[in-house]
Amino acid sequence: MRRPTASRSYRGDLFAPLPGTLQGRVDVVVGVVPYVPTPEMAFLQRDTLVFESPLSYDGGRDGSEILQRVLADAPRFLRRGGRLLLELGDDQARALAGDLTRLGYTDLEVFVNEEGDVRGVGATRAK
């Protein structure tokens, strides 16, 4: 049986603070990054922004700007067979599916909530 390793957290802009020694060695990357399209920020419930900065939600023009950065950088750190899990919304899963395939991800999975709304995606870095 493999002995569990200690977990560590790093603070910074996406993958920037991670040490190079982690490249190709990470089992799972989980991201809850801003994914609300800028034009839709005005439709968020007012109380949403009482405790959170708009930066916590604003994903750029179509909501995928930061998601795209995660897709592009995660393969550098994920081991082959490692899993990428991202929260997102609406049609973003369909829009990102081609990018995931192009970047070498397989086993794309779309997660939906009880109402059938898309809430996230999972994909595996090709072996």
Protein backbone atom coordinates (compact mmCIF):
# COMPACT_ATOMS: atom_id res chain seq x y z
CA MET A 1 0.00 0.00 0.00
CA ARG A 2 1.27 3.43 -0.93
CA ARG A 3 1.78 5.74 2.00
CA PRO A 4 -0.19 9.02 1.78
CA THR A 5 1.84 12.14 1.24
CA ALA A 6 1.37 15.40 3.07
CA SER A 7 -0.80 17.97 1.40
CA ARG A 8 0.24 21.57 0.92
CA SER A 9 -1.52 24.65 -0.30
CA TYR A 10 -0.08 27.50 -2.33
CA ARG A 11 -1.53 30.96 -2.77
CA GLY A 12 -1.26 32.95 -5.97
CA ASP A 13 -2.50 33.28 -9.52
CA LEU A 14 -3.57 29.81 -10.67
CA PHE A 15 -0.46 27.67 -11.21
CA ALA A 16 2.13 30.44 -10.78
CA PRO A 17 3.04 29.69 -7.13
CA LEU A 18 3.50 25.95 -7.66
CA PRO A 19 7.07 24.68 -7.50
CA GLY A 20 8.52 23.15 -10.65
CA THR A 21 9.06 19.90 -8.76
CA LEU A 22 5.30 19.28 -9.03
CA GLN A 23 5.29 19.26 -12.82
CA GLY A 24 3.92 15.97 -14.08
CA ARG A 25 3.28 14.68 -10.56
CA VAL A 26 -0.16 15.97 -9.51
CA ASP A 27 -3.01 13.44 -9.31
CA VAL A 28 -5.96 15.86 -9.28
CA VAL A 29 -6.43 19.53 -10.12
CA VAL A 30 -9.68 20.99 -8.80
CA GLY A 31 -10.72 24.47 -9.81
CA VAL A 32 -13.53 26.75 -8.79
CA VAL A 33 -12.46 29.75 -10.82
CA PRO A 34 -14.51 32.76 -11.93
CA TYR A 35 -16.77 31.70 -14.84
CA VAL A 36 -19.64 34.18 -14.99
CA PRO A 37 -19.59 36.15 -18.26
CA THR A 38 -18.92 39.84 -17.58
CA PRO A 39 -22.20 40.95 -19.21
CA GLU A 40 -24.13 38.63 -16.83
CA MET A 41 -22.51 39.95 -13.64
CA ALA A 42 -25.38 42.44 -13.27
CA PHE A 43 -27.82 39.53 -12.96
CA LEU A 44 -26.15 37.93 -9.92
CA GLN A 45 -28.18 38.11 -6.73
CA ARG A 46 -27.23 41.27 -4.86
CA ASP A 47 -26.35 39.40 -1.66
CA THR A 48 -23.85 37.32 -3.65
CA LEU A 49 -21.47 40.27 -3.78
CA VAL A 50 -21.86 41.25 -0.12
CA PHE A 51 -19.15 38.82 1.00
CA GLU A 52 -17.30 38.21 -2.27
CA SER A 53 -15.46 40.47 -4.65
CA PRO A 54 -16.75 40.66 -8.23
CA LEU A 55 -13.34 39.22 -9.18
CA SER A 56 -14.50 35.95 -7.59
CA TYR A 57 -17.14 35.57 -10.30
CA ASP A 58 -16.10 37.55 -13.39
CA GLY A 59 -14.79 35.09 -15.97
CA GLY A 60 -14.39 37.62 -18.77
CA ARG A 61 -16.38 38.36 -21.89
CA ASP A 62 -17.83 34.86 -22.35
CA GLY A 63 -17.00 33.51 -18.89
CA SER A 64 -14.26 31.16 -20.09
CA GLU A 65 -11.12 33.32 -19.97
CA ILE A 66 -9.83 31.92 -16.69
CA LEU A 67 -11.17 28.43 -17.44
CA GLN A 68 -9.10 28.49 -20.65
CA ARG A 69 -5.98 29.37 -18.66
CA VAL A 70 -6.56 26.40 -16.35
CA LEU A 71 -7.07 24.05 -19.31
CA ALA A 72 -3.84 25.23 -20.90
CA ASP A 73 -1.66 25.08 -17.76
CA ALA A 74 -3.00 22.02 -15.92
CA PRO A 75 -1.36 19.41 -18.22
CA ARG A 76 2.05 20.72 -17.18
CA PHE A 77 1.34 19.64 -13.60
CA LEU A 78 -1.02 16.68 -13.98
CA ARG A 79 0.56 13.26 -14.18
CA ARG A 80 -0.56 11.09 -17.09
CA GLY A 81 -3.91 9.68 -16.02
CA GLY A 82 -4.43 12.59 -13.60
CA ARG A 83 -7.84 14.18 -13.33
CA LEU A 84 -8.98 17.77 -13.92
CA LEU A 85 -12.22 18.85 -12.22
CA LEU A 86 -13.70 22.29 -12.88
CA GLU A 87 -16.84 24.06 -11.78
CA LEU A 88 -18.52 25.94 -14.61
CA GLY A 89 -21.92 26.82 -15.89
CA ASP A 90 -24.43 26.69 -18.70
CA ASP A 91 -22.99 25.97 -22.15
CA GLN A 92 -19.35 26.24 -21.08
CA ALA A 93 -18.89 22.45 -20.89
CA ARG A 94 -19.88 22.07 -24.52
CA ALA A 95 -17.78 25.07 -25.54
CA LEU A 96 -14.68 23.70 -23.76
CA ALA A 97 -15.03 20.07 -24.92
CA GLY A 98 -13.04 20.67 -28.11
CA ASP A 99 -10.26 22.43 -26.20
CA LEU A 100 -10.06 19.59 -23.69
CA THR A 101 -9.66 17.07 -26.51
CA ARG A 102 -7.11 19.22 -28.35
CA LEU A 103 -5.05 19.55 -25.16
CA GLY A 104 -4.93 15.78 -24.67
CA TYR A 105 -7.69 15.18 -22.17
CA THR A 106 -9.90 12.09 -22.37
CA ASP A 107 -12.88 10.66 -20.49
CA LEU A 108 -14.77 13.97 -20.50
CA GLU A 109 -17.57 13.92 -17.95
CA VAL A 110 -20.21 16.63 -17.48
CA PHE A 111 -21.70 17.03 -14.01
CA VAL A 112 -25.25 18.30 -13.58
CA ASN A 113 -27.27 19.18 -10.49
CA GLU A 114 -30.70 17.84 -9.50
CA GLU A 115 -32.42 20.31 -11.84
CA GLY A 116 -30.28 19.19 -14.78
CA ASP A 117 -28.15 22.35 -14.88
CA VAL A 118 -24.51 21.87 -15.86
CA ARG A 119 -22.28 22.53 -12.83
CA GLY A 120 -18.89 21.16 -13.82
CA VAL A 121 -16.66 18.97 -15.94
CA GLY A 122 -14.11 16.28 -15.30
CA ALA A 123 -11.46 15.08 -17.72
CA THR A 124 -8.41 12.82 -17.57
CA ARG A 125 -4.97 13.70 -18.91
CA ALA A 126 -4.21 11.12 -21.58
CA LYS A 127 -1.84 8.34 -20.55
